[in-house]
C-alpha atoms as a PDB file:
ATOM      1  CA  UNK A   1       6.685   4.784   3.127  1.00  0.00           C
ATOM      2  CA  UNK A   2       4.655   2.473   5.302  1.00  0.00           C
ATOM      3  CA  UNK A   3       4.627   2.282   9.046  1.00  0.00           C
ATOM      4  CA  UNK A   4       3.763  -1.046  10.628  1.00  0.00           C
ATOM      5  CA  UNK A   5       1.460  -1.243  13.635  1.00  0.00           C
ATOM      6  CA  UNK A   6      -0.214  -3.863  15.768  1.00  0.00           C
ATOM      7  CA  UNK A   7      -3.803  -3.703  16.990  1.00  0.00           C
ATOM      8  CA  UNK A   8      -5.337  -4.482  20.401  1.00  0.00           C
ATOM      9  CA  UNK A   9      -7.128  -7.575  19.077  1.00  0.00           C
ATOM     10  CA  UNK A  10      -6.075 -10.997  20.425  1.00  0.00           C
ATOM     11  CA  UNK A  11      -4.380 -13.082  17.724  1.00  0.00           C
ATOM     12  CA  UNK A  12      -6.312 -16.109  16.459  1.00  0.00           C
ATOM     13  CA  UNK A  13      -5.837 -19.376  18.250  1.00  0.00           C
ATOM     14  CA  UNK A  14      -3.948 -21.899  16.143  1.00  0.00           C
ATOM     15  CA  UNK A  15      -3.897 -24.798  18.531  1.00  0.00           C
ATOM     16  CA  UNK A  16      -4.425 -27.996  16.616  1.00  0.00           C
ATOM     17  CA  UNK A  17      -6.165 -30.901  18.313  1.00  0.00           C
ATOM     18  CA  UNK A  18      -6.593 -32.876  15.076  1.00  0.00           C
ATOM     19  CA  UNK A  19     -10.294 -33.541  15.412  1.00  0.00           C
ATOM     20  CA  UNK A  20     -12.099 -33.958  12.121  1.00  0.00           C
ATOM     21  CA  UNK A  21     -12.764 -30.226  11.542  1.00  0.00           C
ATOM     22  CA  UNK A  22      -9.535 -28.647  12.805  1.00  0.00           C
ATOM     23  CA  UNK A  23      -8.828 -26.966   9.451  1.00  0.00           C
ATOM     24  CA  UNK A  24     -12.314 -25.433   9.373  1.00  0.00           C
ATOM     25  CA  UNK A  25     -11.797 -24.208  12.950  1.00  0.00           C
ATOM     26  CA  UNK A  26      -8.432 -22.698  11.963  1.00  0.00           C
ATOM     27  CA  UNK A  27      -9.979 -20.911   8.979  1.00  0.00           C
ATOM     28  CA  UNK A  28     -12.964 -19.759  11.051  1.00  0.00           C
ATOM     29  CA  UNK A  29     -10.617 -18.333  13.726  1.00  0.00           C
ATOM     30  CA  UNK A  30      -8.604 -16.511  11.048  1.00  0.00           C
ATOM     31  CA  UNK A  31     -11.766 -15.109   9.417  1.00  0.00           C
ATOM     32  CA  UNK A  32     -13.083 -13.893  12.780  1.00  0.00           C
ATOM     33  CA  UNK A  33      -9.742 -12.235  13.540  1.00  0.00           C
ATOM     34  CA  UNK A  34      -9.745 -10.465  10.163  1.00  0.00           C
ATOM     35  CA  UNK A  35     -13.343  -9.294  10.725  1.00  0.00           C
ATOM     36  CA  UNK A  36     -12.481  -8.044  14.244  1.00  0.00           C
ATOM     37  CA  UNK A  37      -9.399  -6.171  13.015  1.00  0.00           C
ATOM     38  CA  UNK A  38     -11.371  -4.644  10.127  1.00  0.00           C
ATOM     39  CA  UNK A  39     -14.134  -3.477  12.492  1.00  0.00           C
ATOM     40  CA  UNK A  40     -11.590  -1.933  14.873  1.00  0.00           C
ATOM     41  CA  UNK A  41      -9.809  -0.138  12.013  1.00  0.00           C
ATOM     42  CA  UNK A  42     -13.026   1.122  10.373  1.00  0.00           C
ATOM     43  CA  UNK A  43     -14.198   2.447  13.741  1.00  0.00           C
ATOM     44  CA  UNK A  44     -10.873   4.255  14.143  1.00  0.00           C
ATOM     45  CA  UNK A  45     -10.755   5.660  10.564  1.00  0.00           C
ATOM     46  CA  UNK A  46     -14.338   5.815   9.237  1.00  0.00           C
ATOM     47  CA  UNK A  47     -13.584   8.394   6.513  1.00  0.00           C
ATOM     48  CA  UNK A  48     -10.585   6.598   4.975  1.00  0.00           C
ATOM     49  CA  UNK A  49     -11.952   4.490   2.094  1.00  0.00           C
ATOM     50  CA  UNK A  50      -8.894   2.219   2.201  1.00  0.00           C
ATOM     51  CA  UNK A  51      -8.966   1.630   5.960  1.00  0.00           C
ATOM     52  CA  UNK A  52      -9.759  -2.022   6.562  1.00  0.00           C
ATOM     53  CA  UNK A  53      -8.801  -3.156   3.058  1.00  0.00           C
ATOM     54  CA  UNK A  54      -6.909  -6.438   2.963  1.00  0.00           C
ATOM     55  CA  UNK A  55      -3.571  -6.429   1.130  1.00  0.00           C
ATOM     56  CA  UNK A  56      -2.131  -9.880   0.432  1.00  0.00           C
ATOM     57  CA  UNK A  57       1.318  -9.938  -1.167  1.00  0.00           C
ATOM     58  CA  UNK A  58       2.614 -13.221  -2.625  1.00  0.00           C
ATOM     59  CA  UNK A  59       5.440 -14.512  -0.466  1.00  0.00           C
ATOM     60  CA  UNK A  60       7.179 -17.883  -0.132  1.00  0.00           C
ATOM     61  CA  UNK A  61       4.489 -20.566  -0.549  1.00  0.00           C
ATOM     62  CA  UNK A  62       1.577 -18.305   0.351  1.00  0.00           C
ATOM     63  CA  UNK A  63       0.864 -14.684   1.137  1.00  0.00           C
ATOM     64  CA  UNK A  64       2.019 -12.028   3.555  1.00  0.00           C
ATOM     65  CA  UNK A  65      -1.301 -10.491   4.573  1.00  0.00           C
ATOM     66  CA  UNK A  66      -1.795  -6.963   5.846  1.00  0.00           C
ATOM     67  CA  UNK A  67      -4.723  -4.690   6.525  1.00  0.00           C
ATOM     68  CA  UNK A  68      -4.556  -0.996   5.754  1.00  0.00           C
ATOM     69  CA  UNK A  69      -4.828   0.969   9.000  1.00  0.00           C
ATOM     70  CA  UNK A  70      -4.746   4.296   7.176  1.00  0.00           C
ATOM     71  CA  UNK A  71      -3.806   5.374   3.679  1.00  0.00           C
ATOM     72  CA  UNK A  72      -2.293   8.820   4.402  1.00  0.00           C
ATOM     73  CA  UNK A  73       0.329   8.348   5.651  1.00  0.00           C
ATOM     74  CA  UNK A  74       0.314   4.655   4.844  1.00  0.00           C
ATOM     75  CA  UNK A  75       0.062   2.438   7.912  1.00  0.00           C
ATOM     76  CA  UNK A  76      -0.339  -1.342   7.767  1.00  0.00           C
ATOM     77  CA  UNK A  77      -1.189  -4.065  10.255  1.00  0.00           C
ATOM     78  CA  UNK A  78       0.398  -7.480   9.613  1.00  0.00           C
ATOM     79  CA  UNK A  79      -2.177 -10.254   9.989  1.00  0.00           C
ATOM     80  CA  UNK A  80      -0.963 -13.449  11.685  1.00  0.00           C
ATOM     81  CA  UNK A  81      -3.303 -15.664   9.666  1.00  0.00           C
ATOM     82  CA  UNK A  82      -2.750 -18.645   7.413  1.00  0.00           C
ATOM     83  CA  UNK A  83       0.986 -19.321   7.517  1.00  0.00           C
ATOM     84  CA  UNK A  84       1.499 -15.856   9.074  1.00  0.00           C
ATOM     85  CA  UNK A  85       4.100 -14.803   6.512  1.00  0.00           C
ATOM     86  CA  UNK A  86       5.517 -11.280   6.672  1.00  0.00           C
ATOM     87  CA  UNK A  87       7.527  -9.421   4.090  1.00  0.00           C
ATOM     88  CA  UNK A  88      11.103  -8.497   5.004  1.00  0.00           C
ATOM     89  CA  UNK A  89      11.117  -5.353   7.165  1.00  0.00           C
ATOM     90  CA  UNK A  90      12.792  -3.195   4.506  1.00  0.00           C
ATOM     91  CA  UNK A  91      10.120  -4.213   1.984  1.00  0.00           C
ATOM     92  CA  UNK A  92       7.322  -3.477   4.494  1.00  0.00           C
ATOM     93  CA  UNK A  93       8.687  -0.015   5.219  1.00  0.00           C
ATOM     94  CA  UNK A  94       9.194   0.719   1.519  1.00  0.00           C
ATOM     95  CA  UNK A  95       5.597   0.037   0.466  1.00  0.00           C
ATOM     96  CA  UNK A  96       3.577   3.013  -0.712  1.00  0.00           C
ATOM     97  CA  UNK A  97      -0.122   3.465  -1.370  1.00  0.00           C
ATOM     98  CA  UNK A  98       0.729   3.597  -5.095  1.00  0.00           C
ATOM     99  CA  UNK A  99       2.220   0.079  -4.830  1.00  0.00           C
ATOM    100  CA  UNK A 100      -0.875  -1.216  -3.079  1.00  0.00           C
ATOM    101  CA  UNK A 101      -3.296   0.419  -5.546  1.00  0.00           C
ATOM    102  CA  UNK A 102      -1.349  -1.021  -8.494  1.00  0.00           C
ATOM    103  CA  UNK A 103      -1.470  -4.483  -6.961  1.00  0.00           C
ATOM    104  CA  UNK A 104      -5.203  -4.116  -6.226  1.00  0.00           C
ATOM    105  CA  UNK A 105      -5.810  -3.065  -9.858  1.00  0.00           C
ATOM    106  CA  UNK A 106      -3.827  -6.088 -11.068  1.00  0.00           C
ATOM    107  CA  UNK A 107      -5.813  -8.435  -8.810  1.00  0.00           C
ATOM    108  CA  UNK A 108      -9.095  -6.925  -9.985  1.00  0.00           C
ATOM    109  CA  UNK A 109      -8.141  -7.345 -13.649  1.00  0.00           C
ATOM    110  CA  UNK A 110      -6.711 -10.831 -13.151  1.00  0.00           C
ATOM    111  CA  UNK A 111      -9.605 -12.150 -11.067  1.00  0.00           C
ATOM    112  CA  UNK A 112     -12.378 -10.269 -12.853  1.00  0.00           C
ATOM    113  CA  UNK A 113     -13.283  -7.894 -10.046  1.00  0.00           C
ATOM    114  CA  UNK A 114     -13.151 -10.258  -7.076  1.00  0.00           C
END
């Protein structure tokens, strides 16, 4: 069963000023946030091979994205990126590392290892 945590990293800025590259700025802010969260997690759990792994679960018209904080016991960090979807709380709490590994194996097979 997963526990959900937040991290002490400021959330990405999603202010839109509609200049010509606002979407690139949005994506760049999200990517920087993901990199910062991953670095913080890997520094906290350097021996956990799953710490810092991105888990994106299809939801609504996009993905609910999480990063694995630790695999034993499973702890996830919801990532407020893209549309910032989150799974329903009961689904979040019910996730196990087995679920995540199965989904990662499916993604690897479906996308040819990417």
